[in-house]
Protein backbone atom coordinates (compact mmCIF):
# COMPACT_ATOMS: atom_id res chain seq x y z
CA UNK A 1 22.43 164.48 58.90
CA UNK A 2 22.57 162.47 55.84
CA UNK A 3 26.00 160.99 55.24
CA UNK A 4 26.42 159.66 51.75
CA UNK A 5 28.82 156.88 50.94
CA UNK A 6 30.85 156.98 47.78
CA UNK A 7 30.49 153.39 46.49
CA UNK A 8 31.38 154.11 42.91
CA UNK A 9 34.41 152.35 41.52
CA UNK A 10 36.86 154.13 39.30
CA UNK A 11 36.84 152.35 35.95
CA UNK A 12 39.61 154.33 34.30
CA UNK A 13 42.70 152.48 33.07
CA UNK A 14 46.05 154.04 32.28
CA UNK A 15 47.62 152.70 29.06
CA UNK A 16 50.94 154.47 29.51
CA UNK A 17 52.65 151.56 31.24
CA UNK A 18 51.38 149.11 28.60
CA UNK A 19 52.70 151.26 25.75
CA UNK A 20 56.08 151.51 27.50
CA UNK A 21 56.32 147.72 27.68
CA UNK A 22 55.34 147.29 24.03
CA UNK A 23 57.87 149.91 22.98
CA UNK A 24 60.66 148.21 24.96
CA UNK A 25 59.78 144.83 23.45
CA UNK A 26 59.85 146.34 19.96
CA UNK A 27 63.31 147.78 20.56
CA UNK A 28 64.54 144.46 22.01
CA UNK A 29 63.39 142.43 19.00
CA UNK A 30 64.78 144.95 16.51
CA UNK A 31 68.20 144.86 18.15
CA UNK A 32 68.35 141.08 18.49
CA UNK A 33 67.18 140.45 14.92
CA UNK A 34 70.05 142.53 13.53
CA UNK A 35 72.60 140.55 15.58
CA UNK A 36 71.60 137.18 14.10
CA UNK A 37 73.89 136.34 11.19
CA UNK A 38 73.77 132.64 10.25
CA UNK A 39 76.47 132.82 7.61
CA UNK A 40 78.96 135.63 7.09
CA UNK A 41 80.45 134.21 3.89
CA UNK A 42 78.72 134.68 0.57
CA UNK A 43 77.94 131.19 -0.71
CA UNK A 44 75.75 129.94 -3.53
CA UNK A 45 74.03 127.00 -1.86
CA UNK A 46 72.55 124.17 -3.91
CA UNK A 47 68.76 124.15 -4.16
CA UNK A 48 66.56 121.53 -2.48
CA UNK A 49 62.90 120.93 -1.67
CA UNK A 50 63.49 119.06 1.60
CA UNK A 51 64.37 121.24 4.57
CA UNK A 52 65.47 120.09 8.03
CA UNK A 53 64.11 121.83 11.10
CA UNK A 54 67.00 120.79 13.38
CA UNK A 55 69.21 123.54 14.72
CA UNK A 56 72.95 123.05 14.37
CA UNK A 57 75.31 124.30 17.06
CA UNK A 58 78.24 124.89 14.68
CA UNK A 59 78.48 125.73 10.98
CA UNK A 60 81.31 124.77 8.67
CA UNK A 61 81.49 126.77 5.45
CA UNK A 62 83.43 125.59 2.40
CA UNK A 63 84.35 128.41 0.02
CA UNK A 64 85.45 127.79 -3.56
CA UNK A 65 87.84 130.45 -4.84
CA UNK A 66 87.56 129.23 -8.48
CA UNK A 67 91.28 128.50 -8.73
CA UNK A 68 91.30 124.99 -7.31
CA UNK A 69 91.58 126.08 -3.69
CA UNK A 70 88.92 125.59 -1.04
CA UNK A 71 88.88 127.20 2.38
CA UNK A 72 87.06 125.99 5.48
CA UNK A 73 85.51 128.42 7.97
CA UNK A 74 83.93 127.57 11.34
CA UNK A 75 80.83 129.60 12.33
CA UNK A 76 81.32 132.03 9.44
CA UNK A 77 84.68 133.25 10.71
CA UNK A 78 86.72 135.12 8.10
CA UNK A 79 89.87 133.31 9.27
CA UNK A 80 90.18 130.04 7.31
CA UNK A 81 91.01 126.78 9.08
CA UNK A 82 93.20 124.23 7.24
CA UNK A 83 91.43 120.93 6.59
CA UNK A 84 94.02 119.05 8.66
CA UNK A 85 93.14 121.16 11.75
CA UNK A 86 89.40 121.17 11.11
CA UNK A 87 88.61 118.00 13.08
CA UNK A 88 90.49 119.26 16.13
CA UNK A 89 88.67 122.60 15.98
CA UNK A 90 85.29 120.85 15.75
CA UNK A 91 86.18 118.61 18.70
CA UNK A 92 87.04 121.71 20.72
CA UNK A 93 83.92 123.67 19.77
CA UNK A 94 81.46 120.78 20.19
CA UNK A 95 83.03 119.37 23.38
CA UNK A 96 80.31 120.52 25.79
CA UNK A 97 77.30 119.90 23.56
CA UNK A 98 74.69 117.36 24.65
CA UNK A 99 73.63 116.55 21.07
CA UNK A 100 76.58 117.70 18.89
CA UNK A 101 75.41 118.80 15.47
CA UNK A 102 77.14 120.80 12.76
CA UNK A 103 75.89 121.98 9.42
CA UNK A 104 77.87 122.20 6.20
CA UNK A 105 77.44 125.28 4.02
CA UNK A 106 79.26 124.82 0.73
CA UNK A 107 79.32 126.52 -2.64
CA UNK A 108 77.60 124.74 -5.51
CA UNK A 109 80.96 124.25 -7.23
CA UNK A 110 82.71 122.46 -4.33
CA UNK A 111 83.43 118.84 -5.29
CA UNK A 112 81.48 116.15 -3.49
CA UNK A 113 84.70 114.57 -2.16
CA UNK A 114 85.34 117.67 -0.01
CA UNK A 115 81.82 117.53 1.43
CA UNK A 116 82.09 113.77 2.05
CA UNK A 117 85.38 114.36 3.88
CA UNK A 118 83.51 116.70 6.26
CA UNK A 119 80.75 114.13 6.70
CA UNK A 120 83.38 111.52 7.57
CA UNK A 121 84.65 113.79 10.35
CA UNK A 122 81.11 113.85 11.73
CA UNK A 123 80.77 110.08 11.47
CA UNK A 124 84.10 109.41 13.22
CA UNK A 125 83.12 111.60 16.16
CA UNK A 126 79.42 110.58 16.26
CA UNK A 127 78.15 114.04 15.30
CA UNK A 128 74.93 114.75 13.46
CA UNK A 129 75.62 116.44 10.14
CA UNK A 130 73.26 118.73 8.20
CA UNK A 131 73.97 119.73 4.61
CA UNK A 132 72.58 123.24 4.14
CA UNK A 133 70.70 124.08 0.97
CA UNK A 134 68.61 126.99 -0.19
CA UNK A 135 64.89 126.36 -0.81
CA UNK A 136 63.67 125.96 -4.39
């Protein structure tokens, strides 16, 4: 009796599990990319060649309504915050941050004194301040 051993290895590979993983990753990245909205207000930012790579925890937007009024919005919220209450709101939002940083998004037509007032809030509270611009 000759008993033969089957010593061949099966070299087939099923790609179905790999395609499932790739498909799930594709769906995940598509969904998360649509949720990212850095600024909900339409602003015309000033142009600049120097860009900062730091990531701010909070954004403060200054909107010019072309009638002498300026509104302040935290994190792109549609509800405006009065300037007098802005420092308190920033203190509340940035309370737990290890390296508190906020960025200022302002229209091109906003006077410099309004932007400097926001920078002074950052200086008083030892926050890092980033002035957002659009690339040239």
